[in-house]
Amino acid sequence: MTSLKRVTVLAGGVGGARFTRGVLAQLAVEAPDATVTVIVNTGDDMWLDGLRICPDLDTVMYTLGDGINEEQGWGRPDETRRTSAEIAAYGRGWSWFTLGDLDLATHIVRTDLLRSGSTLSEATEFLCRRWQPGVRLLPMSDQPVETHVCLAENIDEHSVGDYIHFEEWWVRYRAKVPITGFEQRGLADAVAAPGVLEAITEADLVVLPPSNPVVSVGTILAVPGIRDALRSTAARVVGVSPIVGGAAVRGMADACLRTIGVETSALAVALHYGARSRGGILDGWLIDESDAVALPALAAAGIRSAAVPLWMTDLPATTAMAAAALALWPGARS
């Protein structure tokens, strides 16, 4: 087959990071000369304790750089939290969002770089020199974009109609508090970070991993120019369902989908993205074996699809998923 040369991944946090690790493992066998660019959601970013926190960027960087806490999927292993405890003793910080001491070092260095005039792209490149993730890691935008949610009921010190940061809804309230919608603040002034559009338009294959389709991949797609680049690229655009058997593989994506009126199913998420031949962004879609009944409907919608096991239980299972996604590329072996 014609070998893949350039692969681009649009990723959120844990799911995107772990799936990309499988992509790298498969490419090492199938196309060892291929380069991989990962465009990461920064809509979860926020200021906390005077530091700029970039949860998804750090999760991808740590995971691919072998510095992740594998059990929880985020943060560093063997962490201590003495600094967060001291901050709490001053009555500051968020008790429900404690940052580990090792992780804090990353945030301190990033914030220092940003306040010294570096862009987020430049700060990310600097941090990656230590972690060597094996990919080119790009934020979706250098301009700050933060996702907030609008509350549908009173909760604690918040009232109906109040907006709170997505991370507070996600981590503190576990997405169990009803909301009426999402607001990506700063999006109107955001532009794709340097290299992002080129990574899409010059790729052989673009992959949407099993990241949250609303607040991870969806936020990346909302950056001006990115959706258009996906529609026009000569690359094949292949997605992997984050929904298995009507439930989110990880996290509370069902609450996000419900908020925007999309059913929690592999088929519904594919139709939400839409077929590229019909104005959407997908050429191919990978679903779990338990959802194979959706294959005819996907074909009718103009989306080439396949059903394989989609549980990332370990690296071999994740690599097999990545192999199935790569097999939807036209140059793959039939």
Protein backbone atom coordinates (compact mmCIF):
# COMPACT_ATOMS: atom_id res chain seq x y z
CA MET A 1 0.00 0.00 0.00
CA THR A 2 0.96 3.65 -0.25
CA SER A 3 2.44 4.54 3.13
CA LEU A 4 0.96 7.22 5.32
CA LYS A 5 3.28 10.19 5.69
CA ARG A 6 1.30 12.72 7.71
CA VAL A 7 -1.38 11.96 10.31
CA THR A 8 -3.24 14.63 12.25
CA VAL A 9 -5.32 13.96 15.36
CA LEU A 10 -7.91 16.32 16.89
CA ALA A 11 -7.89 15.43 20.57
CA GLY A 12 -9.41 16.14 23.93
CA GLY A 13 -7.89 14.78 27.11
CA VAL A 14 -7.72 11.19 28.33
CA GLY A 15 -9.50 9.45 25.44
CA GLY A 16 -7.63 11.42 22.81
CA ALA A 17 -4.29 10.91 24.54
CA ARG A 18 -4.67 7.17 24.97
CA PHE A 19 -5.94 6.66 21.44
CA THR A 20 -3.03 8.66 20.03
CA ARG A 21 -0.66 6.39 21.92
CA GLY A 22 -2.24 3.49 20.04
CA VAL A 23 -1.87 5.37 16.75
CA LEU A 24 1.84 5.84 17.39
CA ALA A 25 2.27 2.16 18.24
CA GLN A 26 0.49 1.08 15.04
CA LEU A 27 2.35 3.56 12.85
CA ALA A 28 5.65 2.27 14.23
CA VAL A 29 4.80 -0.99 12.45
CA GLU A 30 2.76 0.21 9.49
CA ALA A 31 4.39 3.53 8.57
CA PRO A 32 7.48 4.18 10.71
CA ASP A 33 8.39 7.33 8.79
CA ALA A 34 5.01 8.96 9.37
CA THR A 35 4.79 12.18 11.38
CA VAL A 36 1.90 12.85 13.74
CA THR A 37 0.47 16.22 14.73
CA VAL A 38 -2.01 16.43 17.60
CA ILE A 39 -4.29 19.48 17.72
CA VAL A 40 -5.60 19.77 21.27
CA ASN A 41 -8.72 21.35 22.74
CA THR A 42 -7.96 24.35 24.93
CA GLY A 43 -11.55 25.17 25.84
CA ASP A 44 -11.02 23.55 29.26
CA ASP A 45 -8.19 25.97 30.05
CA MET A 46 -8.54 28.33 33.00
CA TRP A 47 -6.75 30.53 35.50
CA LEU A 48 -6.41 29.05 38.99
CA ASP A 49 -4.20 30.22 41.85
CA GLY A 50 -2.61 32.70 39.43
CA LEU A 51 -1.58 29.94 37.03
CA ARG A 52 -2.71 29.06 33.52
CA ILE A 53 -4.03 25.50 33.59
CA CYS A 54 -4.33 23.57 30.30
CA PRO A 55 -5.83 20.19 31.27
CA ASP A 56 -6.05 18.57 27.82
CA LEU A 57 -2.67 19.75 26.58
CA ASP A 58 -1.01 18.43 29.71
CA THR A 59 -2.85 15.10 29.61
CA VAL A 60 -1.75 14.48 26.02
CA MET A 61 1.82 15.61 26.76
CA TYR A 62 2.18 13.50 29.90
CA THR A 63 0.54 10.43 28.34
CA LEU A 64 2.70 10.41 25.23
CA GLY A 65 5.77 11.35 27.25
CA ASP A 66 5.33 8.45 29.71
CA GLY A 67 4.66 10.79 32.62
CA ILE A 68 0.95 10.20 33.22
CA ASN A 69 -0.85 8.72 36.21
CA GLU A 70 -2.19 5.70 34.35
CA GLU A 71 -4.77 4.80 36.98
CA GLN A 72 -6.63 8.11 36.87
CA GLY A 73 -5.69 9.08 33.29
CA TRP A 74 -4.55 12.61 34.17
CA GLY A 75 -1.91 14.25 36.33
CA ARG A 76 1.42 12.80 37.37
CA PRO A 77 2.13 9.54 39.20
CA ASP A 78 3.47 9.51 42.76
CA GLU A 79 2.03 12.97 43.42
CA THR A 80 1.90 14.90 46.65
CA ARG A 81 -0.47 17.80 47.28
CA ARG A 82 1.20 19.79 50.02
CA THR A 83 1.09 23.04 48.04
CA SER A 84 -2.64 22.74 47.31
CA ALA A 85 -3.24 22.03 51.00
CA GLU A 86 -1.34 25.20 51.95
CA ILE A 87 -3.31 27.25 49.41
CA ALA A 88 -6.53 25.87 50.90
CA ALA A 89 -5.32 26.84 54.38
CA TYR A 90 -5.30 30.44 53.16
CA GLY A 91 -8.89 30.02 52.01
CA ARG A 92 -7.93 30.14 48.35
CA GLY A 93 -8.04 27.66 45.48
CA TRP A 94 -10.75 25.12 44.71
CA SER A 95 -10.96 22.24 47.16
CA TRP A 96 -12.52 20.09 44.43
CA PHE A 97 -9.71 20.78 41.94
CA THR A 98 -6.47 20.15 43.77
CA LEU A 99 -3.30 20.25 41.73
CA GLY A 100 -0.40 17.96 42.53
CA ASP A 101 3.00 19.43 43.36
CA LEU A 102 4.71 17.94 40.30
CA ASP A 103 1.88 19.09 38.05
CA LEU A 104 2.10 22.58 39.54
CA ALA A 105 5.65 22.86 38.22
CA THR A 106 4.32 22.54 34.67
CA HIS A 107 1.71 25.24 35.28
CA ILE A 108 4.29 27.54 36.87
CA VAL A 109 6.67 27.21 33.93
CA ARG A 110 3.86 27.70 31.39
CA THR A 111 2.56 30.79 33.19
CA ASP A 112 6.05 32.27 33.43
CA LEU A 113 6.53 31.76 29.68
CA LEU A 114 3.16 33.31 28.85
CA ARG A 115 3.79 36.34 31.05
CA SER A 116 7.21 36.72 29.45
CA GLY A 117 5.58 37.09 26.06
CA SER A 118 5.52 33.55 24.68
CA THR A 119 2.41 32.33 22.90
CA LEU A 120 0.67 29.18 24.11
CA SER A 121 2.11 27.35 21.08
CA GLU A 122 5.62 28.45 22.03
CA ALA A 123 5.10 27.53 25.68
CA THR A 124 3.77 24.11 24.66
CA GLU A 125 6.77 23.50 22.41
CA PHE A 126 9.08 24.43 25.29
CA LEU A 127 7.35 22.04 27.70
CA CYS A 128 7.48 19.24 25.14
CA ARG A 129 11.26 19.48 24.93
CA ARG A 130 11.32 17.75 28.27
CA TRP A 131 8.59 15.20 27.64
CA GLN A 132 9.42 14.27 24.04
CA PRO A 133 5.88 13.05 23.22
CA GLY A 134 6.83 11.84 19.74
CA VAL A 135 4.28 14.11 18.07
CA ARG A 136 3.99 17.77 17.20
CA LEU A 137 1.64 19.03 19.89
CA LEU A 138 -0.39 22.12 18.98
CA PRO A 139 -3.06 24.01 20.93
CA MET A 140 -6.12 24.67 18.78
CA SER A 141 -5.58 28.42 19.27
CA ASP A 142 -3.11 30.74 20.97
CA GLN A 143 -5.96 33.01 22.03
CA PRO A 144 -7.67 32.09 25.32
CA VAL A 145 -10.94 30.21 24.84
CA GLU A 146 -12.83 29.01 27.91
CA THR A 147 -15.96 26.89 27.95
CA HIS A 148 -18.66 27.89 30.43
CA VAL A 149 -22.05 26.31 31.08
CA CYS A 150 -25.38 27.96 31.91
CA LEU A 151 -27.12 26.48 34.96
CA ALA A 152 -30.73 25.35 34.72
CA GLU A 153 -31.25 25.17 38.49
CA ASN A 154 -29.91 26.68 41.71
CA ILE A 155 -26.92 24.93 43.21
CA ASP A 156 -24.74 25.95 46.17
CA GLU A 157 -23.82 29.61 45.66
CA HIS A 158 -24.93 29.58 42.03
CA SER A 159 -28.38 30.47 40.67
CA VAL A 160 -30.40 29.64 37.58
CA GLY A 161 -28.91 31.42 34.59
CA ASP A 162 -25.47 31.74 36.15
CA TYR A 163 -22.50 30.67 34.07
CA ILE A 164 -19.78 28.57 35.67
CA HIS A 165 -16.59 27.26 34.14
CA PHE A 166 -16.97 23.92 32.42
CA GLU A 167 -14.39 22.34 34.75
CA GLU A 168 -16.48 23.27 37.80
CA TRP A 169 -19.55 21.61 36.26
CA TRP A 170 -17.50 18.60 35.12
CA VAL A 171 -15.29 17.99 38.15
CA ARG A 172 -17.13 19.52 41.10
CA TYR A 173 -20.66 18.54 40.09
CA ARG A 174 -19.79 15.52 37.90
CA ALA A 175 -22.05 16.96 35.15
CA LYS A 176 -25.11 15.99 37.21
CA VAL A 177 -26.46 19.55 37.48
CA PRO A 178 -28.79 20.36 34.55
CA ILE A 179 -27.55 23.04 32.19
CA THR A 180 -29.13 24.83 29.25
CA GLY A 181 -26.10 25.26 27.04
CA PHE A 182 -22.40 25.89 26.51
CA GLU A 183 -20.63 29.18 25.87
CA GLN A 184 -17.09 29.27 24.49
CA ARG A 185 -15.83 32.62 25.69
CA GLY A 186 -13.13 34.18 23.55
CA LEU A 187 -14.05 32.15 20.49
CA ALA A 188 -14.98 35.22 18.43
CA ASP A 189 -11.42 36.53 18.75
CA ALA A 190 -9.69 33.17 18.36
CA VAL A 191 -7.77 32.04 15.30
CA ALA A 192 -6.23 28.67 14.63
CA ALA A 193 -2.76 28.43 16.14
CA PRO A 194 0.22 28.45 13.76
CA GLY A 195 0.49 25.16 11.92
CA VAL A 196 -3.03 23.96 12.76
CA LEU A 197 -4.72 24.55 9.41
CA GLU A 198 -1.68 23.28 7.53
CA ALA A 199 -1.63 20.12 9.65
CA ILE A 200 -5.19 19.44 8.46
CA THR A 201 -4.91 20.47 4.82
CA GLU A 202 -1.53 18.78 4.24
CA ALA A 203 -2.32 15.51 6.06
CA ASP A 204 -2.90 12.13 4.47
CA LEU A 205 -5.26 11.18 7.28
CA VAL A 206 -7.08 13.18 9.95
CA VAL A 207 -8.42 11.24 12.94
CA LEU A 208 -11.08 12.27 15.44
CA PRO A 209 -10.38 10.00 18.44
CA PRO A 210 -13.00 8.98 21.03
CA SER A 211 -12.93 12.40 22.68
CA ASN A 212 -16.00 14.30 23.84
CA PRO A 213 -17.80 15.36 20.61
CA VAL A 214 -19.33 18.45 22.22
CA VAL A 215 -16.72 20.13 24.43
CA SER A 216 -13.47 18.62 23.12
CA VAL A 217 -13.65 17.92 19.39
CA GLY A 218 -16.66 20.23 19.11
CA THR A 219 -14.71 23.15 20.58
CA ILE A 220 -11.80 22.57 18.22
CA LEU A 221 -14.22 22.54 15.29
CA ALA A 222 -15.69 25.85 16.45
CA VAL A 223 -12.38 27.70 15.99
CA PRO A 224 -12.79 29.74 12.80
CA GLY A 225 -11.25 27.98 9.81
CA ILE A 226 -10.84 24.51 11.27
CA ARG A 227 -14.16 23.02 10.14
CA ASP A 228 -13.64 24.50 6.67
CA ALA A 229 -10.15 23.00 6.54
CA LEU A 230 -11.58 19.57 7.35
CA ARG A 231 -14.19 19.90 4.64
CA SER A 232 -11.64 20.89 2.00
CA THR A 233 -8.61 18.76 2.88
CA ALA A 234 -7.52 16.02 0.48
CA ALA A 235 -6.97 13.81 3.53
CA ARG A 236 -9.49 11.23 4.61
CA VAL A 237 -11.22 12.20 7.84
CA VAL A 238 -11.94 9.24 10.11
CA GLY A 239 -13.63 9.33 13.51
CA VAL A 240 -13.82 6.85 16.39
CA SER A 241 -17.05 6.70 18.37
CA PRO A 242 -16.82 7.78 22.03
CA ILE A 243 -20.15 6.02 22.59
CA VAL A 244 -20.39 2.24 23.04
CA GLY A 245 -23.72 0.53 23.47
CA GLY A 246 -25.52 3.80 24.18
CA ALA A 247 -23.12 4.94 26.91
CA ALA A 248 -20.05 7.15 27.04
CA VAL A 249 -16.82 5.20 27.12
CA ARG A 250 -15.40 7.63 29.67
CA GLY A 251 -16.63 10.73 31.43
CA MET A 252 -20.08 12.25 31.11
CA ALA A 253 -20.34 12.90 27.38
CA ASP A 254 -23.97 11.80 27.53
CA ALA A 255 -24.81 14.90 29.61
CA CYS A 256 -23.13 17.10 27.00
CA LEU A 257 -24.92 15.40 24.11
CA ARG A 258 -28.26 15.62 25.91
CA THR A 259 -27.77 19.35 26.40
CA ILE A 260 -27.39 19.97 22.66
CA GLY A 261 -30.21 17.57 21.75
CA VAL A 262 -28.14 14.69 20.36
CA GLU A 263 -28.96 11.10 21.31
CA THR A 264 -26.26 9.15 23.13
CA SER A 265 -25.50 6.63 20.40
CA ALA A 266 -22.66 5.91 18.00
CA LEU A 267 -24.96 6.60 15.06
CA ALA A 268 -26.26 9.90 16.41
CA VAL A 269 -22.76 11.24 17.07
CA ALA A 270 -21.69 10.30 13.53
CA LEU A 271 -24.71 12.09 12.11
CA HIS A 272 -23.94 15.06 14.35
CA TYR A 273 -20.53 15.32 12.70
CA GLY A 274 -22.07 14.54 9.32
CA ALA A 275 -20.70 12.98 6.14
CA ARG A 276 -18.18 15.13 4.32
CA SER A 277 -19.87 14.26 1.03
CA ARG A 278 -22.97 15.99 2.42
CA GLY A 279 -21.49 19.06 4.05
CA GLY A 280 -20.18 17.44 7.25
CA ILE A 281 -16.66 16.40 8.18
CA LEU A 282 -16.55 12.58 8.23
CA ASP A 283 -15.44 10.13 5.57
CA GLY A 284 -15.18 7.16 7.93
CA TRP A 285 -16.50 6.19 11.37
CA LEU A 286 -15.40 3.39 13.65
CA ILE A 287 -18.03 1.91 15.99
CA ASP A 288 -18.03 -0.86 18.56
CA GLU A 289 -19.15 -4.36 17.69
CA SER A 290 -22.13 -3.94 20.00
CA ASP A 291 -23.36 -1.10 17.75
CA ALA A 292 -22.96 -3.00 14.47
CA VAL A 293 -26.70 -2.66 13.81
CA ALA A 294 -25.94 0.97 12.87
CA LEU A 295 -23.69 0.03 9.92
CA PRO A 296 -26.45 0.16 7.25
CA ALA A 297 -27.65 3.56 8.48
CA LEU A 298 -24.11 4.92 8.44
CA ALA A 299 -23.64 3.69 4.89
CA ALA A 300 -26.92 5.31 3.88
CA ALA A 301 -25.67 8.56 5.42
CA GLY A 302 -22.57 8.44 3.21
CA ILE A 303 -20.11 7.42 5.94
CA ARG A 304 -17.85 4.42 5.44
CA SER A 305 -17.76 2.50 8.69
CA ALA A 306 -16.59 -0.63 10.46
CA ALA A 307 -17.44 -2.30 13.78
CA VAL A 308 -14.60 -3.48 16.04
CA PRO A 309 -13.97 -3.68 19.81
CA LEU A 310 -13.58 -0.11 21.09
CA TRP A 311 -12.56 -0.57 24.71
CA MET A 312 -9.06 0.83 25.38
CA THR A 313 -8.31 -1.68 28.11
CA ASP A 314 -4.57 -1.72 27.42
CA LEU A 315 -2.08 -0.65 24.78
CA PRO A 316 -2.54 -3.74 22.54
CA ALA A 317 -6.32 -3.21 22.50
CA THR A 318 -5.86 0.50 21.77
CA THR A 319 -3.34 -0.27 19.02
CA ALA A 320 -5.85 -2.65 17.43
CA MET A 321 -8.42 0.17 17.47
CA ALA A 322 -5.94 2.50 15.82
CA ALA A 323 -5.19 -0.15 13.18
CA ALA A 324 -8.91 -0.41 12.39
CA ALA A 325 -9.14 3.38 12.05
CA LEU A 326 -6.11 3.49 9.76
CA ALA A 327 -7.68 0.71 7.69
CA LEU A 328 -10.46 3.12 6.72
CA TRP A 329 -7.84 5.20 4.88
CA PRO A 330 -8.06 4.61 1.09
CA GLY A 331 -4.38 3.62 0.86
CA ALA A 332 -4.74 0.91 3.50
CA ARG A 333 -4.65 -2.77 2.74
CA SER A 334 -8.10 -4.14 1.96
